[in-house]
Amino acid sequence: GAAPPRWVAADLLAQAEHGPDSVCLLVTTSPALAQAVAREVQALARSIPTGERALVALERNGALLVARDLDAAVEFANRFAPEHLQIVVRDPETILPRVTHAGSVFLGAHSPVAAGDYASGPNHVLPTAGAARSYGGLSLWAFLRLVPVQRLTPQALADLGEAVVRLAQAEGLPGHAQAVRVRLEEAQ
């Protein structure tokens, strides 16, 4: 298949070695892949000095989940909003447009998270613990201050004015409504 079990196991261990609070999940549509990955995790853990620590994390916070189909897997990933999301299917680009919540996405079997941590990614400061539902990774935009500017023409205010007045009244802010109404009245 598109996801070699040994590679997937190595990726899980790489994330789990961060410590006992690491959360590492495999979501697959293949029970056979889940079983093969479980075997490989045990074998590969013995080959790295952080293997025991990684196994503790996987035991506490890891899971091998079998989804009924790819739609369910994508839905789960979006709800979970992982810091890192690896999409290892035959055509990962077809899945990518459906991903709405992830800190950083890695497409294909040759795109391990470890490469993004050190070389291929835009940064390594990413939202954790489901925060990717609301935030993206650190970027240049975090250091820029945008100042919105509005300039309405008399016609634009005439077009928007009544809606603004109604919204301000509904919100219980008569001063806002008046600030627009006096302009509309004088424009007539």
N, C-alpha and C. Protein backbone atom coordinates (compact mmCIF):
# COMPACT_ATOMS: atom_id res chain seq x y z
N GLY A 1 0.81 -1.19 0.00
CA GLY A 1 0.00 0.00 0.00
C GLY A 1 0.86 1.26 0.00
N ALA A 2 0.20 2.37 0.10
CA ALA A 2 0.88 3.67 0.08
C ALA A 2 1.62 3.94 1.38
N ALA A 3 1.23 3.28 2.46
CA ALA A 3 1.82 3.54 3.77
C ALA A 3 2.62 2.34 4.25
N PRO A 4 3.94 2.35 4.06
CA PRO A 4 4.75 1.23 4.56
C PRO A 4 4.68 1.17 6.09
N PRO A 5 4.28 0.03 6.66
CA PRO A 5 4.11 -0.06 8.11
C PRO A 5 5.35 0.35 8.91
N ARG A 6 6.53 -0.02 8.43
CA ARG A 6 7.76 0.32 9.15
C ARG A 6 7.95 1.84 9.21
N TRP A 7 7.66 2.52 8.11
CA TRP A 7 7.79 3.98 8.06
C TRP A 7 6.78 4.65 8.99
N VAL A 8 5.55 4.16 8.96
CA VAL A 8 4.50 4.72 9.82
C VAL A 8 4.87 4.51 11.29
N ALA A 9 5.36 3.33 11.62
CA ALA A 9 5.78 3.05 12.99
C ALA A 9 6.91 3.98 13.41
N ALA A 10 7.88 4.19 12.53
CA ALA A 10 8.99 5.09 12.84
C ALA A 10 8.49 6.51 13.08
N ASP A 11 7.51 6.95 12.30
CA ASP A 11 6.94 8.28 12.49
C ASP A 11 6.23 8.40 13.83
N LEU A 12 5.48 7.38 14.21
CA LEU A 12 4.80 7.40 15.51
C LEU A 12 5.82 7.47 16.65
N LEU A 13 6.87 6.67 16.56
CA LEU A 13 7.91 6.68 17.59
C LEU A 13 8.62 8.03 17.65
N ALA A 14 8.86 8.62 16.49
CA ALA A 14 9.54 9.92 16.46
C ALA A 14 8.74 10.97 17.21
N GLN A 15 7.44 10.95 17.08
CA GLN A 15 6.62 11.92 17.81
C GLN A 15 6.47 11.54 19.28
N ALA A 16 6.34 10.25 19.55
CA ALA A 16 6.15 9.79 20.92
C ALA A 16 7.38 10.00 21.78
N GLU A 17 8.56 10.05 21.18
CA GLU A 17 9.78 10.19 21.98
C GLU A 17 9.89 11.57 22.63
N HIS A 18 9.03 12.51 22.29
CA HIS A 18 9.07 13.83 22.93
C HIS A 18 8.80 13.72 24.43
N GLY A 19 8.01 12.74 24.83
CA GLY A 19 7.76 12.57 26.26
C GLY A 19 6.45 11.88 26.53
N PRO A 20 6.17 11.61 27.81
CA PRO A 20 5.00 10.81 28.18
C PRO A 20 3.66 11.46 27.87
N ASP A 21 3.65 12.78 27.64
CA ASP A 21 2.39 13.46 27.31
C ASP A 21 2.12 13.52 25.81
N SER A 22 3.04 13.00 25.01
CA SER A 22 2.86 13.04 23.56
C SER A 22 1.64 12.23 23.16
N VAL A 23 0.86 12.80 22.25
CA VAL A 23 -0.32 12.12 21.73
C VAL A 23 -0.03 11.77 20.28
N CYS A 24 -0.08 10.48 19.97
CA CYS A 24 0.26 10.01 18.62
C CYS A 24 -0.79 9.01 18.17
N LEU A 25 -1.40 9.29 17.04
CA LEU A 25 -2.47 8.44 16.54
C LEU A 25 -2.20 8.03 15.10
N LEU A 26 -2.63 6.84 14.78
CA LEU A 26 -2.71 6.40 13.39
C LEU A 26 -4.18 6.21 13.09
N VAL A 27 -4.65 6.84 12.04
CA VAL A 27 -6.01 6.61 11.56
C VAL A 27 -5.88 6.00 10.18
N THR A 28 -6.42 4.82 10.01
CA THR A 28 -6.30 4.10 8.75
C THR A 28 -7.63 3.44 8.42
N THR A 29 -7.80 3.08 7.18
CA THR A 29 -8.98 2.30 6.80
C THR A 29 -8.64 0.82 6.73
N SER A 30 -7.40 0.47 7.05
CA SER A 30 -6.93 -0.91 6.92
C SER A 30 -6.59 -1.53 8.27
N PRO A 31 -7.40 -2.49 8.74
CA PRO A 31 -7.04 -3.19 9.97
C PRO A 31 -5.68 -3.89 9.85
N ALA A 32 -5.36 -4.39 8.67
CA ALA A 32 -4.08 -5.07 8.47
C ALA A 32 -2.92 -4.10 8.66
N LEU A 33 -3.07 -2.87 8.16
CA LEU A 33 -2.01 -1.88 8.35
C LEU A 33 -1.86 -1.55 9.83
N ALA A 34 -2.96 -1.38 10.53
CA ALA A 34 -2.89 -1.08 11.97
C ALA A 34 -2.14 -2.17 12.72
N GLN A 35 -2.43 -3.42 12.41
CA GLN A 35 -1.74 -4.54 13.07
C GLN A 35 -0.26 -4.57 12.72
N ALA A 36 0.06 -4.35 11.46
CA ALA A 36 1.46 -4.36 11.04
C ALA A 36 2.23 -3.22 11.69
N VAL A 37 1.62 -2.05 11.80
CA VAL A 37 2.27 -0.91 12.45
C VAL A 37 2.51 -1.21 13.92
N ALA A 38 1.55 -1.83 14.58
CA ALA A 38 1.73 -2.18 16.00
C ALA A 38 2.94 -3.08 16.19
N ARG A 39 3.11 -4.06 15.31
CA ARG A 39 4.28 -4.95 15.40
C ARG A 39 5.57 -4.17 15.16
N GLU A 40 5.56 -3.32 14.15
CA GLU A 40 6.77 -2.55 13.82
C GLU A 40 7.15 -1.57 14.92
N VAL A 41 6.16 -0.98 15.58
CA VAL A 41 6.45 -0.06 16.68
C VAL A 41 7.26 -0.78 17.75
N GLN A 42 6.83 -1.98 18.10
CA GLN A 42 7.55 -2.75 19.13
C GLN A 42 8.98 -3.06 18.68
N ALA A 43 9.13 -3.46 17.44
CA ALA A 43 10.46 -3.82 16.93
C ALA A 43 11.37 -2.60 16.84
N LEU A 44 10.87 -1.51 16.29
CA LEU A 44 11.70 -0.31 16.11
C LEU A 44 12.02 0.38 17.43
N ALA A 45 11.14 0.29 18.40
CA ALA A 45 11.39 0.95 19.70
C ALA A 45 12.65 0.40 20.34
N ARG A 46 12.94 -0.87 20.12
CA ARG A 46 14.15 -1.48 20.70
C ARG A 46 15.42 -0.94 20.06
N SER A 47 15.30 -0.30 18.91
CA SER A 47 16.51 0.14 18.19
C SER A 47 16.90 1.59 18.46
N ILE A 48 16.12 2.31 19.29
CA ILE A 48 16.48 3.71 19.59
C ILE A 48 16.56 3.90 21.11
N PRO A 49 17.47 4.75 21.56
CA PRO A 49 17.62 4.97 23.01
C PRO A 49 16.37 5.53 23.68
N THR A 50 15.53 6.22 22.94
CA THR A 50 14.31 6.80 23.51
C THR A 50 13.10 5.88 23.34
N GLY A 51 13.35 4.65 22.96
CA GLY A 51 12.28 3.71 22.67
C GLY A 51 11.33 3.47 23.83
N GLU A 52 11.88 3.28 25.03
CA GLU A 52 11.01 3.03 26.20
C GLU A 52 10.12 4.23 26.48
N ARG A 53 10.71 5.42 26.43
CA ARG A 53 9.93 6.64 26.67
C ARG A 53 8.82 6.77 25.63
N ALA A 54 9.14 6.46 24.38
CA ALA A 54 8.15 6.54 23.31
C ALA A 54 7.03 5.53 23.53
N LEU A 55 7.39 4.33 23.95
CA LEU A 55 6.37 3.31 24.19
C LEU A 55 5.44 3.71 25.34
N VAL A 56 6.00 4.36 26.37
CA VAL A 56 5.15 4.84 27.47
C VAL A 56 4.14 5.85 26.94
N ALA A 57 4.60 6.78 26.12
CA ALA A 57 3.69 7.78 25.55
C ALA A 57 2.62 7.12 24.69
N LEU A 58 3.02 6.16 23.88
CA LEU A 58 2.05 5.49 23.01
C LEU A 58 1.05 4.68 23.84
N GLU A 59 1.53 4.08 24.93
CA GLU A 59 0.63 3.32 25.79
C GLU A 59 -0.38 4.24 26.46
N ARG A 60 0.07 5.41 26.91
CA ARG A 60 -0.81 6.35 27.62
C ARG A 60 -1.71 7.13 26.68
N ASN A 61 -1.15 7.59 25.57
CA ASN A 61 -1.86 8.56 24.73
C ASN A 61 -1.88 8.19 23.26
N GLY A 62 -1.55 6.98 22.93
CA GLY A 62 -1.51 6.59 21.53
C GLY A 62 -2.71 5.74 21.16
N ALA A 63 -2.96 5.64 19.88
CA ALA A 63 -4.05 4.79 19.41
C ALA A 63 -3.83 4.46 17.94
N LEU A 64 -4.26 3.28 17.58
CA LEU A 64 -4.31 2.85 16.18
C LEU A 64 -5.79 2.71 15.87
N LEU A 65 -6.33 3.64 15.12
CA LEU A 65 -7.76 3.71 14.86
C LEU A 65 -8.07 3.26 13.44
N VAL A 66 -9.10 2.46 13.30
CA VAL A 66 -9.53 2.02 11.98
C VAL A 66 -10.84 2.72 11.65
N ALA A 67 -10.79 3.55 10.62
CA ALA A 67 -11.97 4.30 10.17
C ALA A 67 -12.72 3.50 9.12
N ARG A 68 -14.01 3.73 9.02
CA ARG A 68 -14.82 2.98 8.04
C ARG A 68 -14.45 3.34 6.61
N ASP A 69 -14.00 4.61 6.39
CA ASP A 69 -13.58 5.04 5.06
C ASP A 69 -12.74 6.31 5.19
N LEU A 70 -12.21 6.79 4.07
CA LEU A 70 -11.36 7.98 4.10
C LEU A 70 -12.12 9.22 4.56
N ASP A 71 -13.39 9.31 4.21
CA ASP A 71 -14.19 10.45 4.67
C ASP A 71 -14.21 10.53 6.19
N ALA A 72 -14.43 9.39 6.82
CA ALA A 72 -14.45 9.35 8.29
C ALA A 72 -13.08 9.69 8.86
N ALA A 73 -12.03 9.23 8.20
CA ALA A 73 -10.67 9.53 8.67
C ALA A 73 -10.39 11.03 8.60
N VAL A 74 -10.78 11.65 7.51
CA VAL A 74 -10.57 13.10 7.36
C VAL A 74 -11.41 13.86 8.38
N GLU A 75 -12.65 13.44 8.57
CA GLU A 75 -13.51 14.10 9.56
C GLU A 75 -12.88 14.01 10.95
N PHE A 76 -12.37 12.83 11.29
CA PHE A 76 -11.71 12.67 12.59
C PHE A 76 -10.50 13.59 12.70
N ALA A 77 -9.68 13.63 11.67
CA ALA A 77 -8.47 14.47 11.70
C ALA A 77 -8.84 15.93 11.91
N ASN A 78 -9.86 16.39 11.23
CA ASN A 78 -10.27 17.79 11.39
C ASN A 78 -10.79 18.07 12.80
N ARG A 79 -11.50 17.13 13.38
CA ARG A 79 -11.99 17.32 14.75
C ARG A 79 -10.84 17.26 15.76
N PHE A 80 -9.90 16.39 15.51
CA PHE A 80 -8.76 16.24 16.42
C PHE A 80 -7.80 17.42 16.30
N ALA A 81 -7.71 18.00 15.12
CA ALA A 81 -6.86 19.19 14.86
C ALA A 81 -5.43 18.97 15.33
N PRO A 82 -4.72 18.03 14.72
CA PRO A 82 -3.38 17.70 15.20
C PRO A 82 -2.34 18.78 14.90
N GLU A 83 -1.29 18.76 15.71
CA GLU A 83 -0.14 19.63 15.45
C GLU A 83 0.48 19.26 14.11
N HIS A 84 0.67 17.97 13.88
CA HIS A 84 1.21 17.45 12.63
C HIS A 84 0.21 16.46 12.05
N LEU A 85 -0.03 16.53 10.76
CA LEU A 85 -0.91 15.58 10.09
C LEU A 85 -0.18 15.03 8.88
N GLN A 86 0.10 13.73 8.91
CA GLN A 86 0.69 13.07 7.75
C GLN A 86 -0.43 12.40 6.98
N ILE A 87 -0.48 12.67 5.69
CA ILE A 87 -1.47 12.03 4.83
C ILE A 87 -0.71 11.09 3.91
N VAL A 88 -0.82 9.80 4.22
CA VAL A 88 -0.08 8.80 3.46
C VAL A 88 -1.10 7.89 2.77
N VAL A 89 -1.54 8.35 1.63
CA VAL A 89 -2.45 7.60 0.75
C VAL A 89 -1.89 7.71 -0.66
N ARG A 90 -2.46 6.99 -1.60
CA ARG A 90 -1.92 7.01 -2.97
C ARG A 90 -1.86 8.42 -3.56
N ASP A 91 -2.91 9.19 -3.42
CA ASP A 91 -2.95 10.56 -3.95
C ASP A 91 -3.28 11.54 -2.83
N PRO A 92 -2.30 11.88 -2.00
CA PRO A 92 -2.59 12.74 -0.84
C PRO A 92 -3.10 14.12 -1.22
N GLU A 93 -2.75 14.59 -2.41
CA GLU A 93 -3.22 15.92 -2.84
C GLU A 93 -4.74 15.97 -2.96
N THR A 94 -5.38 14.81 -3.19
CA THR A 94 -6.84 14.80 -3.29
C THR A 94 -7.49 14.96 -1.92
N ILE A 95 -6.78 14.62 -0.87
CA ILE A 95 -7.30 14.74 0.49
C ILE A 95 -7.07 16.15 1.03
N LEU A 96 -5.95 16.75 0.66
CA LEU A 96 -5.53 18.03 1.23
C LEU A 96 -6.61 19.11 1.24
N PRO A 97 -7.38 19.32 0.16
CA PRO A 97 -8.38 20.39 0.19
C PRO A 97 -9.45 20.20 1.27
N ARG A 98 -9.58 18.98 1.77
CA ARG A 98 -10.59 18.70 2.80
C ARG A 98 -10.05 18.88 4.21
N VAL A 99 -8.76 19.10 4.33
CA VAL A 99 -8.15 19.31 5.65
C VAL A 99 -8.38 20.76 6.06
N THR A 100 -9.07 20.94 7.18
CA THR A 100 -9.38 22.29 7.64
C THR A 100 -8.66 22.66 8.93
N HIS A 101 -8.22 21.67 9.69
CA HIS A 101 -7.62 21.96 11.00
C HIS A 101 -6.39 21.08 11.24
N ALA A 102 -5.22 21.65 11.01
CA ALA A 102 -3.95 20.97 11.31
C ALA A 102 -2.88 22.03 11.41
N GLY A 103 -1.93 21.81 12.31
CA GLY A 103 -0.83 22.76 12.44
C GLY A 103 0.07 22.78 11.23
N SER A 104 0.43 21.60 10.75
CA SER A 104 1.26 21.45 9.56
C SER A 104 0.92 20.11 8.92
N VAL A 105 0.86 20.07 7.60
CA VAL A 105 0.46 18.87 6.88
C VAL A 105 1.64 18.33 6.08
N PHE A 106 1.81 17.03 6.11
CA PHE A 106 2.89 16.34 5.41
C PHE A 106 2.26 15.37 4.43
N LEU A 107 2.53 15.56 3.14
CA LEU A 107 1.88 14.78 2.10
C LEU A 107 2.77 13.66 1.58
N GLY A 108 2.28 12.44 1.66
CA GLY A 108 2.96 11.30 1.08
C GLY A 108 3.94 10.62 2.02
N ALA A 109 4.28 9.39 1.67
CA ALA A 109 5.14 8.56 2.51
C ALA A 109 6.55 9.11 2.65
N HIS A 110 6.99 9.91 1.71
CA HIS A 110 8.35 10.45 1.75
C HIS A 110 8.43 11.81 2.46
N SER A 111 7.39 12.15 3.21
CA SER A 111 7.34 13.44 3.92
C SER A 111 7.17 13.23 5.42
N PRO A 112 8.20 12.72 6.09
CA PRO A 112 8.06 12.52 7.53
C PRO A 112 8.05 13.84 8.29
N VAL A 113 7.36 13.86 9.41
CA VAL A 113 7.31 15.05 10.25
C VAL A 113 8.72 15.47 10.66
N ALA A 114 9.60 14.51 10.89
CA ALA A 114 10.98 14.84 11.29
C ALA A 114 11.65 15.75 10.27
N ALA A 115 11.35 15.57 8.99
CA ALA A 115 11.93 16.45 7.96
C ALA A 115 11.40 17.87 8.13
N GLY A 116 10.12 18.00 8.45
CA GLY A 116 9.54 19.32 8.67
C GLY A 116 10.09 19.98 9.93
N ASP A 117 10.38 19.17 10.93
CA ASP A 117 10.94 19.72 12.18
C ASP A 117 12.29 20.38 11.95
N TYR A 118 13.07 19.83 11.04
CA TYR A 118 14.45 20.29 10.90
C TYR A 118 14.82 20.93 9.57
N ALA A 119 14.07 20.66 8.51
CA ALA A 119 14.56 21.14 7.22
C ALA A 119 13.50 21.61 6.24
N SER A 120 12.41 20.88 6.06
CA SER A 120 11.49 21.21 4.97
C SER A 120 10.37 22.16 5.35
N GLY A 121 10.09 22.32 6.62
CA GLY A 121 8.93 23.09 7.04
C GLY A 121 9.19 24.57 7.18
N PRO A 122 8.12 25.35 7.15
CA PRO A 122 8.27 26.80 7.30
C PRO A 122 8.66 27.19 8.73
N ASN A 123 8.28 26.39 9.72
CA ASN A 123 8.68 26.62 11.11
C ASN A 123 8.32 25.42 11.94
N HIS A 124 8.74 25.46 13.20
CA HIS A 124 8.46 24.34 14.10
C HIS A 124 7.61 24.80 15.29
N VAL A 125 7.07 26.00 15.21
CA VAL A 125 6.21 26.51 16.28
C VAL A 125 4.77 26.35 15.80
N LEU A 126 4.13 25.28 16.27
CA LEU A 126 2.82 24.90 15.77
C LEU A 126 1.82 24.76 16.91
N PRO A 127 0.53 24.91 16.62
CA PRO A 127 -0.48 24.76 17.66
C PRO A 127 -0.61 23.30 18.10
N THR A 128 -0.67 23.09 19.41
CA THR A 128 -0.79 21.74 19.96
C THR A 128 -2.13 21.58 20.65
N ALA A 129 -2.40 20.37 21.09
CA ALA A 129 -3.59 20.06 21.91
C ALA A 129 -4.89 20.53 21.26
N GLY A 130 -5.02 20.37 19.95
CA GLY A 130 -6.24 20.74 19.26
C GLY A 130 -6.38 22.21 18.94
N ALA A 131 -5.38 23.01 19.29
CA ALA A 131 -5.46 24.46 19.03
C ALA A 131 -5.48 24.78 17.54
N ALA A 132 -5.13 23.81 16.70
CA ALA A 132 -5.17 24.03 15.25
C ALA A 132 -6.59 24.26 14.74
N ARG A 133 -7.59 23.99 15.60
CA ARG A 133 -8.97 24.34 15.21
C ARG A 133 -9.12 25.85 15.11
N SER A 134 -8.29 26.60 15.84
CA SER A 134 -8.43 28.05 15.88
C SER A 134 -7.21 28.82 15.41
N TYR A 135 -6.04 28.20 15.46
CA TYR A 135 -4.80 28.91 15.16
C TYR A 135 -3.94 28.14 14.18
N GLY A 136 -3.15 28.88 13.42
CA GLY A 136 -2.15 28.27 12.55
C GLY A 136 -0.79 28.32 13.23
N GLY A 137 0.22 27.86 12.53
CA GLY A 137 1.57 27.92 13.05
C GLY A 137 2.11 29.34 13.05
N LEU A 138 3.16 29.53 13.81
CA LEU A 138 3.80 30.84 13.86
C LEU A 138 4.32 31.19 12.47
N SER A 139 4.09 32.43 12.08
CA SER A 139 4.56 32.88 10.77
C SER A 139 4.85 34.37 10.85
N LEU A 140 5.29 34.90 9.75
CA LEU A 140 5.56 36.33 9.65
C LEU A 140 4.35 37.15 10.08
N TRP A 141 3.15 36.66 9.80
CA TRP A 141 1.93 37.41 10.10
C TRP A 141 1.77 37.66 11.59
N ALA A 142 2.36 36.82 12.43
CA ALA A 142 2.26 37.02 13.88
C ALA A 142 3.02 38.26 14.33
N PHE A 143 3.94 38.75 13.52
CA PHE A 143 4.77 39.88 13.89
C PHE A 143 4.39 41.17 13.17
N LEU A 144 3.37 41.09 12.35
CA LEU A 144 2.91 42.27 11.62
C LEU A 144 1.63 42.79 12.27
N ARG A 145 1.48 44.08 12.28
CA ARG A 145 0.27 44.69 12.78
C ARG A 145 -0.46 45.30 11.60
N LEU A 146 -1.61 44.78 11.33
CA LEU A 146 -2.41 45.30 10.23
C LEU A 146 -3.35 46.38 10.76
N VAL A 147 -3.46 47.46 10.03
CA VAL A 147 -4.35 48.55 10.40
C VAL A 147 -5.42 48.67 9.32
N PRO A 148 -6.63 48.22 9.60
CA PRO A 148 -7.69 48.34 8.61
C PRO A 148 -8.06 49.82 8.38
N VAL A 149 -8.34 50.17 7.15
CA VAL A 149 -8.71 51.54 6.80
C VAL A 149 -10.00 51.46 5.98
N GLN A 150 -10.96 52.30 6.34
CA GLN A 150 -12.19 52.38 5.57
C GLN A 150 -12.42 53.81 5.13
N ARG A 151 -12.89 53.96 3.91
CA ARG A 151 -13.30 55.27 3.42
C ARG A 151 -14.55 55.05 2.56
N LEU A 152 -15.65 55.56 3.05
CA LEU A 152 -16.91 55.41 2.33
C LEU A 152 -17.20 56.67 1.53
N THR A 153 -17.66 56.49 0.34
CA THR A 153 -18.15 57.62 -0.45
C THR A 153 -19.56 57.95 0.06
N PRO A 154 -20.07 59.12 -0.27
CA PRO A 154 -21.46 59.42 0.12
C PRO A 154 -22.43 58.35 -0.38
N GLN A 155 -22.21 57.85 -1.58
CA GLN A 155 -23.10 56.82 -2.11
C GLN A 155 -22.96 55.51 -1.33
N ALA A 156 -21.73 55.15 -0.95
CA ALA A 156 -21.52 53.93 -0.18
C ALA A 156 -22.24 54.02 1.17
N LEU A 157 -22.16 55.18 1.83
CA LEU A 157 -22.86 55.34 3.11
C LEU A 157 -24.37 55.28 2.90
N ALA A 158 -24.83 55.86 1.81
CA ALA A 158 -26.27 55.79 1.51
C ALA A 158 -26.70 54.34 1.30
N ASP A 159 -25.86 53.56 0.64
CA ASP A 159 -26.18 52.15 0.38
C ASP A 159 -26.17 51.31 1.66
N LEU A 160 -25.24 51.59 2.56
CA LEU A 160 -25.08 50.79 3.77
C LEU A 160 -25.83 51.35 4.97
N GLY A 161 -26.16 52.61 4.93
CA GLY A 161 -26.65 53.34 6.09
C GLY A 161 -27.81 52.72 6.83
N GLU A 162 -28.88 52.40 6.13
CA GLU A 162 -30.07 51.87 6.81
C GLU A 162 -29.76 50.54 7.48
N ALA A 163 -28.96 49.71 6.85
CA ALA A 163 -28.58 48.44 7.48
C ALA A 163 -27.78 48.69 8.75
N VAL A 164 -26.87 49.66 8.71
CA VAL A 164 -26.08 49.99 9.89
C VAL A 164 -26.99 50.50 11.01
N VAL A 165 -27.93 51.36 10.67
CA VAL A 165 -28.86 51.90 11.67
C VAL A 165 -29.64 50.77 12.32
N ARG A 166 -30.19 49.86 11.52
CA ARG A 166 -30.98 48.74 12.06
C ARG A 166 -30.12 47.84 12.95
N LEU A 167 -28.91 47.54 12.51
CA LEU A 167 -28.03 46.68 13.32
C LEU A 167 -27.66 47.36 14.63
N ALA A 168 -27.36 48.64 14.58
CA ALA A 168 -27.00 49.38 15.80
C ALA A 168 -28.18 49.40 16.77
N GLN A 169 -29.38 49.62 16.25
CA GLN A 169 -30.56 49.63 17.12
C GLN A 169 -30.79 48.24 17.73
N ALA A 170 -30.64 47.21 16.92
CA ALA A 170 -30.82 45.85 17.42
C ALA A 170 -29.80 45.51 18.51
N GLU A 171 -28.64 46.12 18.42
CA GLU A 171 -27.59 45.86 19.40
C GLU A 171 -27.71 46.77 20.62
N GLY A 172 -28.69 47.67 20.60
CA GLY A 172 -28.89 48.58 21.73
C GLY A 172 -27.88 49.70 21.79
N LEU A 173 -27.42 50.16 20.63
CA LEU A 173 -26.44 51.24 20.57
C LEU A 173 -27.00 52.40 19.74
N PRO A 174 -27.91 53.19 20.33
CA PRO A 174 -28.55 54.27 19.58
C PRO A 174 -27.58 55.35 19.12
N GLY A 175 -26.49 55.54 19.83
CA GLY A 175 -25.50 56.52 19.40
C GLY A 175 -24.86 56.14 18.08
N HIS A 176 -24.63 54.84 17.89
CA HIS A 176 -24.10 54.37 16.61
C HIS A 176 -25.09 54.66 15.49
N ALA A 177 -26.36 54.36 15.77
CA ALA A 177 -27.41 54.59 14.76
C ALA A 177 -27.49 56.08 14.42
N GLN A 178 -27.42 56.92 15.45
CA GLN A 178 -27.51 58.37 15.23
C GLN A 178 -26.34 58.88 14.41
N ALA A 179 -25.12 58.34 14.65
CA ALA A 179 -23.94 58.80 13.91
C ALA A 179 -24.11 58.59 12.41
N VAL A 180 -24.83 57.56 12.04
CA VAL A 180 -25.08 57.32 10.62
C VAL A 180 -26.30 58.12 10.15
N ARG A 181 -27.36 58.11 10.98
CA ARG A 181 -28.61 58.77 10.59
C ARG A 181 -28.41 60.26 10.30
N VAL A 182 -27.62 60.98 11.12
CA VAL A 182 -27.44 62.42 10.87
C VAL A 182 -26.79 62.66 9.53
N ARG A 183 -25.92 61.79 9.13
CA ARG A 183 -25.26 61.93 7.82
C ARG A 183 -26.26 61.67 6.69
N LEU A 184 -27.07 60.62 6.88
CA LEU A 184 -28.06 60.29 5.85
C LEU A 184 -29.08 61.42 5.69
N GLU A 185 -29.50 61.99 6.82
CA GLU A 185 -30.49 63.08 6.76
C GLU A 185 -29.92 64.30 6.06
N GLU A 186 -28.67 64.65 6.35
CA GLU A 186 -28.07 65.84 5.75
C GLU A 186 -27.72 65.62 4.29
N ALA A 187 -27.60 64.37 3.88
CA ALA A 187 -27.26 64.09 2.48
C ALA A 187 -28.48 64.26 1.58
N GLN A 188 -29.68 64.26 2.17
CA GLN A 188 -30.90 64.34 1.35
C GLN A 188 -31.18 65.72 0.87
